[in-house]
Amino acid sequence: MFKLPDGLPQVRTSAQDWADYAEYLALTNKKISFYELVKPSKLVSDEEMIGGVEDESDKFSTKADEIANEIRLRIHICGEKYPFTLTDNDYVLLFEPKIHESTIIYCYLLLATRAQMSKDRVQKEIDGALLFEKLCATVAKNYFGERAEVDILGTSKEEVISFRAKLKELIKKMGEGGSIHENPGHRPQDDSVDVIVWKGFSDNQPSKVIAFGQCKTGTSWVNHITELSTEGFCKNWFTRQPVVTPIRAFFTAQYFPREIFIIRANNAGLVFDRFRIIDYLPETIGDELLASLVSWNVEIVNFYSKKAS
């Protein structure tokens, strides 16, 4: 697991993390060779014996193969939305920006994973974590399809409005939940619900599909995947329970480790990791959000470049 500006993957680090590292270096340097990537002392393990039980060149070669295989899988999953290209027998990664929005969004998701989002997420007054909530709302609406509606319950709403006032507004729009319990001693910021998406009918009566989504940037999301209980949220706040219990959804800028995907998904609910977000991007996310993502990407790269120099 590595973090910007100067974190490095270790010998035991997964191929997925190494691929992120390769993507970042390709993004900032236009290209990176996997062999050059793995040669430095970062691959030296505390288990390596002086006598050289394992040939060092084999170790480098194996790790380079792992990275290349992971990148090939990403190309397969993302298709033309993937902004990188393999060359030189698949051992050199090139950053080749495409003309569509997915390039900006993929780079944002990569940077929002590897940046230190707890302290560096705000760049030039743009909060990268709040951008993620807006992006997730857009993707969730596209996933649920025609006539789906979405709103952001969490802190990314720019207007000054209390949690309770916002929840009352959402209940009215959704046509579910009755009213809210005031819970005078309970003062959440968003009670783990960042995005709410629903798909109703013209009669605006109860009995519809609703999903509550939690959004996490960075790499510590695994510590939060069991926090959201849609049933508990409804019981805490709604005076009338939805006819259909809302779906639990979890959005992350990173990716669910494929080798334990089902284990993590069982804890998280409906998963939207980086590649699923890319999969369900709409044709356009809107000029305002896109411009903010572009600005944040540029600023966070410049910020870490200066810190590393």
Protein backbone atom coordinates (compact mmCIF):
# COMPACT_ATOMS: atom_id res chain seq x y z
CA MET A 1 0.00 0.00 0.00
CA PHE A 2 1.56 3.30 -0.97
CA LYS A 3 0.52 6.91 -0.46
CA LEU A 4 1.67 10.07 -2.17
CA PRO A 5 3.98 11.92 -2.29
CA ASP A 6 6.82 9.52 -1.48
CA GLY A 7 5.31 6.21 -0.46
CA LEU A 8 6.57 3.13 -2.29
CA PRO A 9 5.06 -0.31 -2.78
CA GLN A 10 6.88 -3.13 -1.01
CA VAL A 11 7.87 -6.57 -2.23
CA ARG A 12 4.71 -8.13 -0.82
CA THR A 13 2.45 -5.38 -2.12
CA SER A 14 -0.33 -6.65 -4.38
CA ALA A 15 -0.16 -6.36 -8.15
CA GLN A 16 -3.17 -4.05 -7.97
CA ASP A 17 -1.25 -1.58 -5.80
CA TRP A 18 1.82 -1.85 -8.01
CA ALA A 19 -0.38 -1.15 -11.03
CA ASP A 20 -1.64 2.03 -9.34
CA TYR A 21 1.96 3.05 -8.73
CA ALA A 22 2.80 2.42 -12.40
CA GLU A 23 -0.25 4.42 -13.50
CA TYR A 24 0.74 7.37 -11.33
CA LEU A 25 4.28 7.40 -12.68
CA ALA A 26 2.99 7.09 -16.24
CA LEU A 27 0.54 9.93 -15.56
CA THR A 28 3.28 12.24 -14.31
CA ASN A 29 6.08 11.10 -16.65
CA LYS A 30 4.10 10.04 -19.74
CA LYS A 31 5.51 6.49 -19.60
CA ILE A 32 7.10 3.96 -17.26
CA SER A 33 8.91 0.66 -17.80
CA PHE A 34 7.86 -2.09 -15.41
CA TYR A 35 11.41 -3.44 -15.31
CA GLU A 36 12.76 -0.04 -14.29
CA LEU A 37 9.89 0.31 -11.83
CA VAL A 38 10.79 -2.81 -9.85
CA LYS A 39 14.59 -2.66 -9.96
CA PRO A 40 15.27 -0.21 -7.11
CA SER A 41 15.81 -1.23 -3.52
CA LYS A 42 12.07 -1.06 -2.90
CA LEU A 43 11.94 -4.73 -3.89
CA VAL A 44 14.49 -5.81 -1.31
CA SER A 45 12.79 -8.04 1.23
CA ASP A 46 13.83 -8.66 4.80
CA GLU A 47 13.49 -12.35 3.99
CA GLU A 48 16.07 -12.24 1.21
CA MET A 49 19.04 -14.40 2.12
CA ILE A 50 22.59 -13.24 1.63
CA GLY A 51 23.39 -16.39 -0.28
CA GLY A 52 20.82 -15.53 -2.90
CA VAL A 53 18.40 -18.46 -2.80
CA GLU A 54 16.25 -16.69 -5.34
CA ASP A 55 17.83 -15.16 -8.43
CA GLU A 56 17.28 -11.41 -8.26
CA SER A 57 16.59 -11.07 -11.98
CA ASP A 58 13.84 -13.70 -11.66
CA LYS A 59 12.29 -11.71 -8.82
CA PHE A 60 12.25 -8.54 -10.89
CA SER A 61 10.85 -10.39 -13.87
CA THR A 62 8.08 -12.02 -11.85
CA LYS A 63 6.96 -8.72 -10.34
CA ALA A 64 7.03 -7.02 -13.76
CA ASP A 65 4.87 -9.87 -15.13
CA GLU A 66 2.39 -9.41 -12.29
CA ILE A 67 2.07 -5.70 -13.02
CA ALA A 68 1.65 -6.30 -16.77
CA ASN A 69 -1.07 -8.90 -16.12
CA GLU A 70 -2.93 -6.51 -13.86
CA ILE A 71 -2.76 -3.69 -16.41
CA ARG A 72 -4.01 -6.04 -19.15
CA LEU A 73 -6.97 -6.90 -16.94
CA ARG A 74 -7.74 -3.21 -16.42
CA ILE A 75 -7.63 -2.63 -20.16
CA HIS A 76 -10.07 -5.53 -20.61
CA ILE A 77 -12.46 -4.21 -17.95
CA CYS A 78 -12.35 -0.51 -18.86
CA GLY A 79 -11.97 -0.81 -22.63
CA GLU A 80 -11.57 2.51 -24.41
CA LYS A 81 -12.22 4.35 -21.15
CA TYR A 82 -8.81 3.28 -19.85
CA PRO A 83 -6.35 6.16 -20.43
CA PHE A 84 -3.16 4.07 -20.51
CA THR A 85 -1.65 1.83 -23.18
CA LEU A 86 0.82 -1.05 -23.03
CA THR A 87 3.75 -1.19 -25.44
CA ASP A 88 7.16 -2.91 -25.76
CA ASN A 89 5.76 -6.43 -25.27
CA ASP A 90 3.42 -5.09 -22.58
CA TYR A 91 6.24 -3.98 -20.26
CA VAL A 92 5.99 -0.24 -20.80
CA LEU A 93 2.93 1.76 -19.77
CA LEU A 94 2.08 4.92 -21.72
CA PHE A 95 -0.31 7.63 -20.62
CA GLU A 96 -2.36 8.42 -23.71
CA PRO A 97 -5.26 10.71 -22.80
CA LYS A 98 -8.41 10.07 -24.78
CA ILE A 99 -10.74 12.86 -25.86
CA HIS A 100 -13.59 11.84 -23.58
CA GLU A 101 -14.34 12.54 -19.94
CA SER A 102 -13.34 9.10 -18.72
CA THR A 103 -9.64 10.01 -18.88
CA ILE A 104 -10.15 12.85 -16.38
CA ILE A 105 -12.37 10.72 -14.18
CA TYR A 106 -10.06 7.70 -14.13
CA CYS A 107 -7.09 9.90 -13.22
CA TYR A 108 -9.16 11.55 -10.50
CA LEU A 109 -10.09 8.16 -9.01
CA LEU A 110 -6.46 7.08 -9.06
CA LEU A 111 -5.30 10.29 -7.38
CA ALA A 112 -8.17 10.27 -4.86
CA THR A 113 -7.07 6.76 -3.88
CA ARG A 114 -3.39 7.48 -3.41
CA ALA A 115 -3.50 11.04 -2.04
CA GLN A 116 -3.56 11.59 1.70
CA MET A 117 -7.20 12.57 1.63
CA SER A 118 -7.53 13.17 5.35
CA LYS A 119 -5.26 16.23 5.17
CA ASP A 120 -4.59 17.07 1.52
CA ARG A 121 -7.99 16.65 -0.12
CA VAL A 122 -8.68 20.41 -0.37
CA GLN A 123 -6.69 22.01 -3.17
CA LYS A 124 -7.35 25.60 -4.26
CA GLU A 125 -10.60 25.50 -2.26
CA ILE A 126 -11.79 22.38 -4.10
CA ASP A 127 -12.54 19.46 -1.78
CA GLY A 128 -11.63 16.23 -3.57
CA ALA A 129 -13.75 14.09 -1.24
CA LEU A 130 -16.85 16.13 -1.94
CA LEU A 131 -16.21 15.81 -5.67
CA PHE A 132 -16.34 12.06 -5.15
CA GLU A 133 -19.83 12.26 -3.65
CA LYS A 134 -21.04 14.26 -6.63
CA LEU A 135 -19.46 11.80 -9.05
CA CYS A 136 -21.01 8.85 -7.20
CA ALA A 137 -24.44 10.48 -7.33
CA THR A 138 -24.09 10.86 -11.10
CA VAL A 139 -22.98 7.25 -11.55
CA ALA A 140 -25.71 5.89 -9.26
CA LYS A 141 -28.39 7.72 -11.25
CA ASN A 142 -27.03 6.29 -14.49
CA TYR A 143 -26.87 2.77 -13.02
CA PHE A 144 -30.49 2.80 -11.87
CA GLY A 145 -31.48 4.11 -15.26
CA GLU A 146 -34.32 6.06 -16.78
CA ARG A 147 -36.40 8.12 -14.35
CA ALA A 148 -34.08 7.41 -11.42
CA GLU A 149 -33.59 10.38 -9.10
CA VAL A 150 -30.66 11.10 -6.82
CA ASP A 151 -29.62 13.53 -4.15
CA ILE A 152 -26.67 14.01 -1.84
CA LEU A 153 -27.44 13.84 1.84
CA GLY A 154 -23.93 14.38 3.10
CA THR A 155 -21.62 17.32 3.41
CA SER A 156 -21.14 17.99 -0.28
CA LYS A 157 -24.26 20.14 -0.42
CA GLU A 158 -22.88 23.64 -0.71
CA GLU A 159 -25.90 25.44 0.69
CA VAL A 160 -26.20 25.83 4.44
CA ILE A 161 -28.84 23.31 5.45
CA SER A 162 -29.13 21.06 8.48
CA PHE A 163 -29.14 17.29 8.28
CA ARG A 164 -32.73 17.12 9.53
CA ALA A 165 -33.95 19.77 7.10
CA LYS A 166 -32.26 17.97 4.23
CA LEU A 167 -33.73 14.63 5.30
CA LYS A 168 -37.23 16.13 5.49
CA GLU A 169 -36.76 17.50 1.99
CA LEU A 170 -35.66 14.10 0.69
CA ILE A 171 -38.56 12.27 2.32
CA LYS A 172 -40.97 14.57 0.54
CA LYS A 173 -39.23 14.07 -2.81
CA MET A 174 -39.04 10.29 -2.42
CA GLY A 175 -42.60 9.87 -1.18
CA GLU A 176 -41.35 7.45 1.50
CA GLY A 177 -40.53 7.66 5.18
CA GLY A 178 -43.47 9.65 6.51
CA SER A 179 -41.66 12.29 8.53
CA ILE A 180 -38.56 12.17 10.72
CA HIS A 181 -37.94 11.44 14.38
CA GLU A 182 -36.34 14.51 15.85
CA ASN A 183 -33.86 12.53 17.97
CA PRO A 184 -32.73 15.61 19.93
CA GLY A 185 -29.65 13.81 21.27
CA HIS A 186 -28.57 12.45 17.90
CA ARG A 187 -26.57 14.88 15.78
CA PRO A 188 -25.00 13.12 12.82
CA GLN A 189 -23.25 14.76 9.93
CA ASP A 190 -24.90 12.33 7.53
CA ASP A 191 -25.25 9.09 9.55
CA SER A 192 -23.01 7.26 7.03
CA VAL A 193 -25.41 7.98 4.15
CA ASP A 194 -23.88 10.23 1.50
CA VAL A 195 -25.98 9.52 -1.58
CA ILE A 196 -29.63 8.47 -1.90
CA VAL A 197 -31.01 7.23 -5.21
CA TRP A 198 -34.56 6.09 -5.86
CA LYS A 199 -36.73 5.04 -8.74
CA GLY A 200 -40.41 5.69 -8.25
CA PHE A 201 -43.65 6.17 -10.12
CA SER A 202 -45.74 9.13 -11.23
CA ASP A 203 -48.17 8.58 -8.34
CA ASN A 204 -45.35 9.32 -5.85
CA GLN A 205 -46.72 6.61 -3.57
CA PRO A 206 -44.58 4.37 -1.35
CA SER A 207 -43.21 1.05 -2.64
CA LYS A 208 -40.19 1.80 -4.80
CA VAL A 209 -36.52 0.95 -5.15
CA ILE A 210 -34.28 3.06 -2.91
CA ALA A 211 -30.53 2.80 -2.35
CA PHE A 212 -28.42 4.44 0.35
CA GLY A 213 -24.80 4.93 -0.65
CA GLN A 214 -21.67 5.55 1.39
CA CYS A 215 -18.71 7.17 -0.41
CA LYS A 216 -15.05 6.72 0.52
CA THR A 217 -11.84 7.99 -1.05
CA GLY A 218 -8.36 6.94 0.06
CA THR A 219 -7.27 3.43 1.02
CA SER A 220 -8.77 2.95 4.48
CA TRP A 221 -12.31 2.31 3.22
CA VAL A 222 -12.20 -1.30 4.37
CA ASN A 223 -12.54 0.00 7.94
CA HIS A 224 -15.92 1.53 7.06
CA ILE A 225 -17.71 -1.05 4.94
CA THR A 226 -19.89 -2.31 7.81
CA GLU A 227 -20.88 1.11 9.16
CA LEU A 228 -24.02 1.66 7.10
CA SER A 229 -27.23 -0.12 8.05
CA THR A 230 -30.09 0.99 5.82
CA GLU A 231 -32.65 -0.66 8.08
CA GLY A 232 -31.11 0.98 11.14
CA PHE A 233 -31.04 4.37 9.42
CA CYS A 234 -34.72 4.10 8.53
CA LYS A 235 -35.71 3.07 12.05
CA ASN A 236 -33.66 5.87 13.56
CA TRP A 237 -35.08 8.60 11.35
CA PHE A 238 -38.27 7.63 9.50
CA THR A 239 -41.65 7.61 11.22
CA ARG A 240 -42.94 5.25 8.51
CA GLN A 241 -40.66 2.52 7.23
CA PRO A 242 -40.20 2.15 3.46
CA VAL A 243 -42.21 -0.70 1.95
CA VAL A 244 -39.00 -2.07 0.40
CA THR A 245 -35.91 -1.91 2.63
CA PRO A 246 -33.36 0.34 0.90
CA ILE A 247 -30.38 -1.28 -0.79
CA ARG A 248 -26.99 -0.71 0.80
CA ALA A 249 -24.38 0.62 -1.65
CA PHE A 250 -20.70 1.37 -1.16
CA PHE A 251 -18.61 3.61 -3.43
CA THR A 252 -14.81 3.66 -3.33
CA ALA A 253 -12.22 5.41 -5.49
CA GLN A 254 -9.97 2.39 -5.06
CA TYR A 255 -10.93 -1.16 -6.09
CA PHE A 256 -12.17 -4.20 -4.29
CA PRO A 257 -9.35 -6.79 -4.19
CA ARG A 258 -10.44 -9.40 -6.69
CA GLU A 259 -9.12 -12.34 -4.69
CA ILE A 260 -11.47 -11.50 -1.80
CA PHE A 261 -14.11 -9.53 -3.71
CA ILE A 262 -17.06 -11.61 -2.48
CA ILE A 263 -15.96 -11.33 1.15
CA ARG A 264 -15.72 -7.56 0.98
CA ALA A 265 -18.93 -7.29 -1.04
CA ASN A 266 -20.85 -9.30 1.57
CA ASN A 267 -19.90 -6.60 4.07
CA ALA A 268 -20.40 -3.62 1.77
CA GLY A 269 -23.54 -4.39 -0.25
CA LEU A 270 -23.87 -3.15 -3.82
CA VAL A 271 -20.27 -2.37 -4.78
CA PHE A 272 -19.16 0.55 -6.91
CA ASP A 273 -15.38 0.43 -6.93
CA ARG A 274 -13.16 2.35 -9.38
CA PHE A 275 -13.77 0.03 -12.31
CA ARG A 276 -17.53 -0.18 -11.76
CA ILE A 277 -17.70 3.60 -11.52
CA ILE A 278 -15.90 3.82 -14.86
CA ASP A 279 -18.23 1.16 -16.26
CA TYR A 280 -21.34 3.22 -15.48
CA LEU A 281 -20.19 6.70 -16.37
CA PRO A 282 -22.91 8.56 -18.26
CA GLU A 283 -22.18 10.24 -21.58
CA THR A 284 -21.40 13.43 -19.68
CA ILE A 285 -21.13 14.32 -16.00
CA GLY A 286 -21.72 18.02 -16.61
CA ASP A 287 -19.36 20.90 -17.27
CA GLU A 288 -19.17 22.16 -13.69
CA LEU A 289 -18.20 18.85 -12.11
CA LEU A 290 -15.81 18.04 -14.94
CA ALA A 291 -14.04 21.39 -14.60
CA SER A 292 -13.67 20.88 -10.85
CA LEU A 293 -12.18 17.42 -11.39
CA VAL A 294 -9.70 18.79 -13.93
CA SER A 295 -8.62 21.55 -11.54
CA TRP A 296 -8.29 19.21 -8.57
CA ASN A 297 -6.24 16.69 -10.57
CA VAL A 298 -3.81 19.38 -11.69
CA GLU A 299 -3.50 20.91 -8.24
CA ILE A 300 -2.95 17.64 -6.34
CA VAL A 301 -0.27 16.49 -8.80
CA ASN A 302 1.50 19.85 -8.55
CA PHE A 303 1.17 19.80 -4.77
CA TYR A 304 2.86 16.42 -4.41
CA SER A 305 5.44 17.18 -7.08
CA LYS A 306 6.59 20.19 -5.07
CA LYS A 307 6.67 18.17 -1.85
CA ALA A 308 8.71 15.42 -3.48
CA SER A 309 11.26 17.80 -5.03
